[in-house]
Amino acid sequence: NALTALNQQLEAASKRLKNPHPHSLAWAAWILGRLGGWDGYPSSKPPGPITFKNGLEYFRAVAAGWSLRDTCMP
C-alpha cells in the first residue's frame, strides 16, 4: 500500500532513522510526521499538530495519485 512505499522512501540507511514501530497507528504517525517535515531523530522533539497536518495533506495528495497508478488513459 501507499504507506509502506512511503515508509521505505523515508527511512534512511542509518539505524537511527528507521521507523521503530510495528505496523500500527504509531507506525503511520511516524510516516506522517516525516512527511510533514519532522527530522525523525529520537533525540529531537516529537512532531506537533501542525507537522501532522502538513504530513496528512501531503499524504492525501500521494494517496490520490497512488489510487490512479493502474488507471489506463487511452
Protein backbone atom coordinates (compact mmCIF):
# COMPACT_ATOMS: atom_id res chain seq x y z
CA ASN A 1 0.00 0.00 0.00
CA ALA A 2 0.96 3.66 -0.16
CA LEU A 3 2.10 3.91 3.47
CA THR A 4 4.52 1.01 3.09
CA ALA A 5 6.01 2.53 -0.06
CA LEU A 6 6.38 5.92 1.62
CA ASN A 7 7.96 4.31 4.68
CA GLN A 8 10.63 2.69 2.52
CA GLN A 9 11.36 6.05 0.93
CA LEU A 10 11.51 7.97 4.22
CA GLU A 11 13.68 5.52 6.14
CA ALA A 12 17.38 6.24 5.80
CA ALA A 13 20.24 3.78 5.74
CA SER A 14 21.20 4.60 9.33
CA LYS A 15 19.50 2.69 12.13
CA ARG A 16 18.53 5.92 13.87
CA LEU A 17 16.22 6.95 11.03
CA LYS A 18 14.29 3.69 10.74
CA ASN A 19 10.64 3.58 11.75
CA PRO A 20 10.85 1.89 15.18
CA HIS A 21 7.18 0.92 15.34
CA PRO A 22 5.44 -2.24 14.09
CA HIS A 23 2.57 -1.75 11.63
CA SER A 24 0.20 0.22 13.86
CA LEU A 25 -1.16 3.70 14.39
CA ALA A 26 2.24 4.78 15.77
CA TRP A 27 3.91 3.44 12.61
CA ALA A 28 1.57 5.54 10.43
CA ALA A 29 2.05 8.59 12.67
CA TRP A 30 5.84 8.28 12.27
CA ILE A 31 5.39 8.37 8.49
CA LEU A 32 3.01 11.35 8.60
CA GLY A 33 5.42 13.21 10.87
CA ARG A 34 8.27 12.62 8.42
CA LEU A 35 6.09 13.77 5.51
CA GLY A 36 5.26 16.92 7.46
CA GLY A 37 8.90 17.86 7.92
CA TRP A 38 9.90 16.17 11.19
CA ASP A 39 13.52 15.00 11.09
CA GLY A 40 12.78 11.61 12.68
CA TYR A 41 15.66 11.51 15.14
CA PRO A 42 14.78 10.02 18.55
CA SER A 43 16.65 12.87 20.28
CA SER A 44 14.51 15.58 18.65
CA LYS A 45 11.14 16.77 19.87
CA PRO A 46 8.14 14.76 18.67
CA PRO A 47 6.12 16.17 15.77
CA GLY A 48 3.31 18.50 16.71
CA PRO A 49 -0.17 19.08 15.30
CA ILE A 50 0.96 21.42 12.51
CA THR A 51 3.59 18.93 11.37
CA PHE A 52 0.97 16.17 11.36
CA LYS A 53 -1.45 18.41 9.44
CA ASN A 54 1.19 19.14 6.79
CA GLY A 55 2.09 15.46 6.57
CA LEU A 56 -1.55 14.44 6.24
CA GLU A 57 -2.12 16.94 3.42
CA TYR A 58 0.93 15.60 1.59
CA PHE A 59 -0.20 12.03 2.17
CA ARG A 60 -3.68 12.76 0.79
CA ALA A 61 -2.13 14.00 -2.45
CA VAL A 62 0.15 10.96 -2.68
CA ALA A 63 -2.74 8.59 -1.90
CA ALA A 64 -4.85 10.16 -4.65
CA GLY A 65 -2.04 9.59 -7.13
CA TRP A 66 -1.47 6.08 -5.77
CA SER A 67 -5.11 5.19 -6.42
CA LEU A 68 -4.69 6.29 -10.06
CA ARG A 69 -1.46 4.35 -10.69
CA ASP A 70 -3.18 1.49 -12.52
CA THR A 71 -5.62 3.63 -14.49
CA CYS A 72 -5.02 3.47 -18.21
CA MET A 73 -5.94 6.53 -20.23
CA PRO A 74 -6.41 5.96 -23.99
